Amino acid sequence: MNHFLDLADLTSEQLHNLLDLAAHLKSERKTQGANTPILANRALAMIFEKPSLRTRVSFEMGMVHLGGHAIFLPPSEIKMGGRETIADVSRVLSGYVDGVMARLFRHDHLLALATHGTIPVINGLTDYNHPAQAVTDLFTIWEHVGRLENVKVVYVGDGNNVARSLLLGAAMTGMHMTVASPEGYTLSPNDYEEAMARRVSASQEIALVTDPVAAMADADIVYTDVWTSMGQEEETAERLRVFPPYQINAQLVAHAKPDCRIMHCLPAHRGEEITDEAADSAQSILFEQAENRLHAQKAILATLLR
C-alpha cells in the first residue's frame, strides 16, 4: 500500500490485514494502557475542507497513540486548487511531513494530491467515497458479530459515499449487503457491478432496492447515514420530503433479526434518518463504532507511515 484512497485499490488480504492490525492495536491500548510508539518522529498533515469531530480527533489521537504528531490544516490555511495548485501543495507537504490525510469535497483533488507528492495520502472522506469509515464499520461488525462471512448488512437511506465504500468492503469480506434507497438516490449500476466483481464467494448476495421494509428481512446489521450530506444543503427540503419512509425506527427495525445491531457513522440528525429510540436502544452500537474510528485509522497510519 502506497496510499489509502479507495478500498478498490486493496486486495481482500490487505483489507483483512488492516482489520487484524486494528484489533491488535485496540487490544494493546486497552490491556497495556498505551500503544507501542511505532510512529515516533513521524508527522501527519491533516487537510480539512469539510469539518468533522470524529475524523479530526481520531486521526490526531491516532498519531499521538502511535508516538507521532498531527498538524491540522483548516480551509483557511489551504484552499485546494485556489490560492495555489494542488500539485504545489502536494510537493510542499512532501518536504515537511511523512503523510497527508485529506477530507475533501472532490475526489479528483485527492487523487491529484497522491499523484504529485512523494508521501502517502489517506482519504479522510470525499464526495465519492469514505474508505476509512468502511474499515471502521467492518471492524465493528467483526467485533460484535464475531465474523464477517455471511453476515447480512442492510443500509437504508441515501446512496452516498459511505454506502459506496461499505458495499465494496462487504463484498470483499464475504458479507451480504442490501442498499435500500429512494428512486433517484440509489447507488449506480457501476457500484453494483464493482461490488459483484469483488465478491469472495459467488453465494454472496448484493442488492440495490427501493423497498426498505423488504430489505430488512434477515438483517444482522441495520445501517444508516444522514439524508443530506455537506454540500447538498440546497436539496434539504426535497430530501426531507422523500426520505421519511427510510427512517430507522422501531417499526422498521422490527422487520430485521431480533438481535440485529444498529449502526450510523455519525453525526446523526436525530428525528430524521434515525429516531432517539433506535439510536439509544440496546441494539445500537453507534458509539462503539465511533470509538473504532480511532483504532481502524491507527491501523491505516501504521501500515502506511511505519
Protein backbone atom coordinates (compact mmCIF):
# COMPACT_ATOMS: atom_id res chain seq x y z
CA MET A 1 0.00 0.00 0.00
CA ASN A 2 1.44 3.36 -1.08
CA HIS A 3 -1.76 5.32 -0.36
CA PHE A 4 -5.20 4.70 1.14
CA LEU A 5 -7.64 6.24 -1.33
CA ASP A 6 -10.26 3.59 -2.17
CA LEU A 7 -10.98 0.05 -1.00
CA ALA A 8 -10.94 -0.88 -4.68
CA ASP A 9 -7.16 -0.38 -4.58
CA LEU A 10 -6.76 -3.12 -1.96
CA THR A 11 -6.84 -6.88 -2.14
CA SER A 12 -9.12 -8.75 0.24
CA GLU A 13 -5.97 -9.92 2.04
CA GLN A 14 -4.79 -6.33 2.56
CA LEU A 15 -8.20 -5.36 3.89
CA HIS A 16 -8.21 -8.27 6.34
CA ASN A 17 -4.68 -7.32 7.41
CA LEU A 18 -5.93 -3.85 8.32
CA LEU A 19 -8.74 -5.37 10.40
CA ASP A 20 -6.30 -7.69 12.18
CA LEU A 21 -3.96 -4.78 12.91
CA ALA A 22 -6.84 -2.64 14.20
CA ALA A 23 -7.78 -5.44 16.60
CA HIS A 24 -4.17 -5.75 17.79
CA LEU A 25 -3.75 -2.00 18.33
CA LYS A 26 -7.06 -1.73 20.18
CA SER A 27 -6.21 -4.67 22.42
CA GLU A 28 -2.73 -3.32 23.08
CA ARG A 29 -4.14 0.06 24.11
CA LYS A 30 -6.83 -1.49 26.32
CA THR A 31 -4.65 -4.07 28.06
CA GLN A 32 -1.35 -2.21 28.35
CA GLY A 33 -2.61 1.36 28.60
CA ALA A 34 -0.61 2.53 25.60
CA ASN A 35 0.41 1.57 22.10
CA THR A 36 4.00 0.92 21.12
CA PRO A 37 5.28 4.23 19.64
CA ILE A 38 5.89 2.78 16.19
CA LEU A 39 5.39 6.19 14.54
CA ALA A 40 7.82 8.11 16.73
CA ASN A 41 9.16 11.17 14.88
CA ARG A 42 6.52 10.78 12.15
CA ALA A 43 4.22 13.70 11.27
CA LEU A 44 0.82 13.72 9.54
CA ALA A 45 -0.64 16.80 7.83
CA MET A 46 -4.44 16.85 8.02
CA ILE A 47 -6.17 18.88 5.32
CA PHE A 48 -9.82 19.69 6.02
CA GLU A 49 -12.26 21.21 3.54
CA LYS A 50 -15.16 19.66 5.47
CA PRO A 51 -15.41 19.80 9.27
CA SER A 52 -15.58 16.64 11.34
CA LEU A 53 -15.47 15.83 15.04
CA ARG A 54 -14.59 12.16 14.54
CA THR A 55 -12.15 12.44 11.64
CA ARG A 56 -10.03 15.15 13.22
CA VAL A 57 -9.90 13.77 16.74
CA SER A 58 -9.47 10.11 15.73
CA PHE A 59 -6.62 10.75 13.28
CA GLU A 60 -4.90 13.24 15.59
CA MET A 61 -5.17 10.97 18.63
CA GLY A 62 -4.20 8.00 16.48
CA MET A 63 -0.90 9.70 15.72
CA VAL A 64 -0.46 10.57 19.41
CA HIS A 65 -1.13 6.96 20.47
CA LEU A 66 1.48 5.70 17.99
CA GLY A 67 4.08 8.25 19.08
CA GLY A 68 3.76 10.72 16.20
CA HIS A 69 2.39 14.20 15.58
CA ALA A 70 -0.50 15.63 13.56
CA ILE A 71 -0.88 19.10 12.09
CA PHE A 72 -4.41 20.43 11.47
CA LEU A 73 -4.79 22.49 8.28
CA PRO A 74 -8.27 24.08 8.04
CA PRO A 75 -9.81 25.55 4.86
CA SER A 76 -8.45 28.99 5.74
CA GLU A 77 -4.90 27.60 5.55
CA ILE A 78 -5.17 25.62 2.32
CA LYS A 79 -7.61 26.32 -0.50
CA MET A 80 -7.21 23.26 -2.71
CA GLY A 81 -6.76 24.42 -6.29
CA GLY A 82 -7.35 28.04 -5.25
CA ARG A 83 -4.51 30.04 -3.71
CA GLU A 84 -2.02 27.54 -5.10
CA THR A 85 -2.24 24.44 -7.23
CA ILE A 86 -2.89 21.03 -5.73
CA ALA A 87 0.38 19.83 -7.25
CA ASP A 88 2.30 22.57 -5.44
CA VAL A 89 0.54 21.84 -2.14
CA SER A 90 1.43 18.17 -2.51
CA ARG A 91 5.08 18.86 -3.33
CA VAL A 92 5.48 21.31 -0.47
CA LEU A 93 3.95 18.97 2.10
CA SER A 94 6.12 16.12 0.83
CA GLY A 95 9.12 18.07 2.05
CA TYR A 96 7.68 18.72 5.51
CA VAL A 97 5.71 15.69 6.72
CA ASP A 98 5.56 11.93 6.38
CA GLY A 99 1.95 11.62 5.23
CA VAL A 100 -1.22 13.53 4.42
CA MET A 101 -4.80 12.85 5.48
CA ALA A 102 -7.28 14.84 3.40
CA ARG A 103 -11.02 15.33 3.97
CA LEU A 104 -12.19 16.96 0.75
CA PHE A 105 -15.19 17.60 -1.45
CA ARG A 106 -13.76 16.48 -4.79
CA HIS A 107 -12.25 13.03 -5.22
CA ASP A 108 -10.10 14.17 -8.15
CA HIS A 109 -8.38 16.63 -5.81
CA LEU A 110 -7.47 13.72 -3.54
CA LEU A 111 -6.07 11.77 -6.48
CA ALA A 112 -4.03 14.80 -7.53
CA LEU A 113 -2.53 15.05 -4.05
CA ALA A 114 -1.43 11.43 -4.30
CA THR A 115 -0.12 11.80 -7.86
CA HIS A 116 2.11 14.84 -7.35
CA GLY A 117 3.58 14.11 -3.93
CA THR A 118 6.11 11.60 -2.69
CA ILE A 119 4.40 10.65 0.60
CA PRO A 120 1.35 8.52 1.44
CA VAL A 121 -2.08 10.13 1.12
CA ILE A 122 -5.02 8.92 3.21
CA ASN A 123 -8.64 9.51 2.23
CA GLY A 124 -10.47 11.04 5.19
CA LEU A 125 -13.61 11.40 3.04
CA THR A 126 -14.53 12.75 -0.38
CA ASP A 127 -17.90 13.20 -2.02
CA TYR A 128 -17.22 9.92 -3.85
CA ASN A 129 -16.23 7.56 -1.03
CA HIS A 130 -15.24 7.10 2.61
CA PRO A 131 -12.96 4.06 2.87
CA ALA A 132 -11.67 4.83 6.38
CA GLN A 133 -15.25 4.67 7.64
CA ALA A 134 -15.76 1.36 5.84
CA VAL A 135 -12.73 -0.21 7.54
CA THR A 136 -14.13 1.03 10.86
CA ASP A 137 -17.53 -0.45 10.09
CA LEU A 138 -16.14 -3.84 9.11
CA PHE A 139 -14.01 -3.93 12.25
CA THR A 140 -17.03 -3.03 14.40
CA ILE A 141 -19.23 -5.69 12.81
CA TRP A 142 -16.47 -8.28 13.26
CA GLU A 143 -16.19 -7.38 16.96
CA HIS A 144 -19.92 -7.54 17.64
CA VAL A 145 -20.99 -10.46 15.46
CA GLY A 146 -17.79 -12.49 15.66
CA ARG A 147 -17.40 -12.90 11.93
CA LEU A 148 -17.91 -11.16 8.60
CA GLU A 149 -18.67 -14.07 6.30
CA ASN A 150 -22.41 -14.47 5.63
CA VAL A 151 -23.37 -11.52 7.82
CA LYS A 152 -26.18 -9.53 6.22
CA VAL A 153 -25.90 -5.73 6.28
CA VAL A 154 -28.83 -3.57 5.25
CA TYR A 155 -28.06 0.07 4.56
CA VAL A 156 -31.17 2.25 4.47
CA GLY A 157 -31.04 5.79 3.11
CA ASP A 158 -29.06 7.91 0.69
CA GLY A 159 -26.80 6.03 -1.74
CA ASN A 160 -23.82 8.18 -0.79
CA ASN A 161 -20.06 7.94 -0.25
CA VAL A 162 -20.45 5.91 2.96
CA ALA A 163 -22.80 3.40 1.31
CA ARG A 164 -20.46 3.08 -1.69
CA SER A 165 -17.41 2.17 0.40
CA LEU A 166 -19.32 -0.11 2.76
CA LEU A 167 -20.83 -2.02 -0.19
CA LEU A 168 -17.38 -2.68 -1.61
CA GLY A 169 -15.98 -3.65 1.77
CA ALA A 170 -18.85 -6.04 2.36
CA ALA A 171 -18.22 -7.71 -0.99
CA MET A 172 -14.50 -8.07 -0.24
CA THR A 173 -15.08 -9.74 3.13
CA GLY A 174 -17.76 -12.30 2.32
CA MET A 175 -20.79 -10.36 3.58
CA HIS A 176 -24.24 -10.00 2.08
CA MET A 177 -25.44 -6.43 1.64
CA THR A 178 -28.62 -4.71 0.53
CA VAL A 179 -28.85 -0.96 -0.03
CA ALA A 180 -32.40 0.44 0.13
CA SER A 181 -32.74 3.98 -1.25
CA PRO A 182 -35.49 6.04 -2.87
CA GLU A 183 -35.62 6.27 -6.63
CA GLY A 184 -33.11 8.85 -7.78
CA TYR A 185 -30.91 8.42 -4.70
CA THR A 186 -29.58 4.92 -5.28
CA LEU A 187 -26.02 3.82 -5.84
CA SER A 188 -25.10 3.43 -9.51
CA PRO A 189 -25.03 0.31 -11.68
CA ASN A 190 -21.23 0.71 -11.72
CA ASP A 191 -21.15 0.50 -7.92
CA TYR A 192 -23.23 -2.68 -8.06
CA GLU A 193 -21.06 -4.23 -10.76
CA GLU A 194 -17.83 -3.42 -8.92
CA ALA A 195 -19.16 -4.98 -5.72
CA MET A 196 -20.28 -8.08 -7.57
CA ALA A 197 -16.85 -8.37 -9.20
CA ARG A 198 -15.07 -8.14 -5.83
CA ARG A 199 -17.14 -10.80 -4.03
CA VAL A 200 -15.10 -13.55 -2.45
CA SER A 201 -17.91 -16.06 -2.93
CA ALA A 202 -20.47 -16.49 -5.69
CA SER A 203 -23.08 -17.14 -2.98
CA GLN A 204 -22.85 -13.59 -1.62
CA GLU A 205 -25.99 -11.55 -2.17
CA ILE A 206 -25.57 -7.92 -3.26
CA ALA A 207 -28.70 -5.88 -3.98
CA LEU A 208 -29.79 -2.30 -4.65
CA VAL A 209 -33.51 -1.90 -3.89
CA THR A 210 -36.12 0.75 -3.15
CA ASP A 211 -38.32 -1.08 -0.60
CA PRO A 212 -36.88 -0.53 2.90
CA VAL A 213 -39.25 -2.96 4.61
CA ALA A 214 -38.49 -5.91 2.31
CA ALA A 215 -34.78 -5.12 2.52
CA MET A 216 -34.75 -5.67 6.29
CA ALA A 217 -35.52 -9.38 6.14
CA ASP A 218 -32.82 -11.39 7.99
CA ALA A 219 -30.66 -8.30 8.59
CA ASP A 220 -27.87 -8.77 11.12
CA ILE A 221 -26.79 -5.14 10.79
CA VAL A 222 -29.03 -2.14 10.08
CA TYR A 223 -27.07 0.92 8.95
CA THR A 224 -27.99 4.48 8.03
CA ASP A 225 -26.44 7.90 7.41
CA VAL A 226 -27.67 11.46 7.08
CA TRP A 227 -30.15 12.16 4.29
CA THR A 228 -28.40 15.40 3.28
CA SER A 229 -24.61 15.46 3.18
CA MET A 230 -22.37 18.52 3.34
CA GLY A 231 -22.51 20.35 0.02
CA GLN A 232 -26.13 19.27 -0.64
CA GLU A 233 -27.83 21.82 1.60
CA GLU A 234 -29.91 23.25 -1.26
CA GLU A 235 -31.56 19.80 -1.59
CA THR A 236 -32.60 19.61 2.06
CA ALA A 237 -36.31 20.38 1.62
CA GLU A 238 -36.76 17.84 -1.17
CA ARG A 239 -34.82 15.16 0.68
CA LEU A 240 -36.91 15.70 3.81
CA ARG A 241 -39.99 15.09 1.66
CA VAL A 242 -38.65 11.90 0.01
CA PHE A 243 -36.77 10.06 2.75
CA PRO A 244 -39.15 9.62 5.76
CA PRO A 245 -40.10 6.02 4.79
CA TYR A 246 -36.37 5.20 5.11
CA GLN A 247 -36.07 6.34 8.73
CA ILE A 248 -34.51 3.81 11.11
CA ASN A 249 -37.14 3.46 13.82
CA ALA A 250 -38.60 0.69 15.96
CA GLN A 251 -41.22 -0.19 13.34
CA LEU A 252 -38.66 -0.68 10.56
CA VAL A 253 -36.09 -2.46 12.73
CA ALA A 254 -38.81 -4.93 13.79
CA HIS A 255 -38.54 -6.44 10.29
CA ALA A 256 -34.87 -7.35 10.86
CA LYS A 257 -33.50 -10.13 13.07
CA PRO A 258 -34.43 -9.66 16.75
CA ASP A 259 -30.75 -9.38 17.72
CA CYS A 260 -29.71 -7.07 14.88
CA ARG A 261 -27.29 -4.24 15.59
CA ILE A 262 -27.93 -0.64 14.56
CA MET A 263 -25.09 1.45 13.09
CA HIS A 264 -24.65 5.06 11.98
CA CYS A 265 -21.37 6.76 11.01
CA LEU A 266 -22.44 9.99 12.78
CA PRO A 267 -23.21 12.82 13.11
CA ALA A 268 -26.84 11.75 13.40
CA HIS A 269 -29.72 14.05 12.58
CA ARG A 270 -31.96 12.55 15.22
CA GLY A 271 -35.59 12.64 14.20
CA GLU A 272 -34.68 12.45 10.53
CA GLU A 273 -32.78 9.32 9.41
CA ILE A 274 -32.87 7.75 12.88
CA THR A 275 -35.03 8.15 15.98
CA ASP A 276 -33.76 8.59 19.51
CA GLU A 277 -35.40 5.28 20.37
CA ALA A 278 -33.32 3.43 17.78
CA ALA A 279 -30.09 5.37 18.32
CA ASP A 280 -30.15 4.83 22.09
CA SER A 281 -31.55 1.29 22.11
CA ALA A 282 -29.80 -1.81 23.41
CA GLN A 283 -29.28 -2.81 19.78
CA SER A 284 -27.38 0.38 18.96
CA ILE A 285 -23.59 0.22 18.62
CA LEU A 286 -23.22 3.78 17.34
CA PHE A 287 -20.68 4.88 19.93
CA GLU A 288 -18.60 1.70 19.86
CA GLN A 289 -18.50 2.28 16.10
CA ALA A 290 -17.38 5.87 16.64
CA GLU A 291 -14.59 4.79 19.00
CA ASN A 292 -13.40 2.26 16.46
CA ARG A 293 -12.59 5.07 14.02
CA LEU A 294 -9.55 5.59 16.25
CA HIS A 295 -8.34 2.01 16.14
CA ALA A 296 -9.11 1.33 12.47
CA GLN A 297 -7.33 4.51 11.40
CA LYS A 298 -4.35 3.67 13.59
CA ALA A 299 -4.06 0.51 11.52
CA ILE A 300 -4.07 2.58 8.31
CA LEU A 301 -1.49 5.02 9.71
CA ALA A 302 0.75 2.23 10.97
CA THR A 303 0.61 0.42 7.63
CA LEU A 304 1.50 3.49 5.58
CA LEU A 305 3.82 5.54 7.80
CA ARG A 306 5.85 2.95 9.66
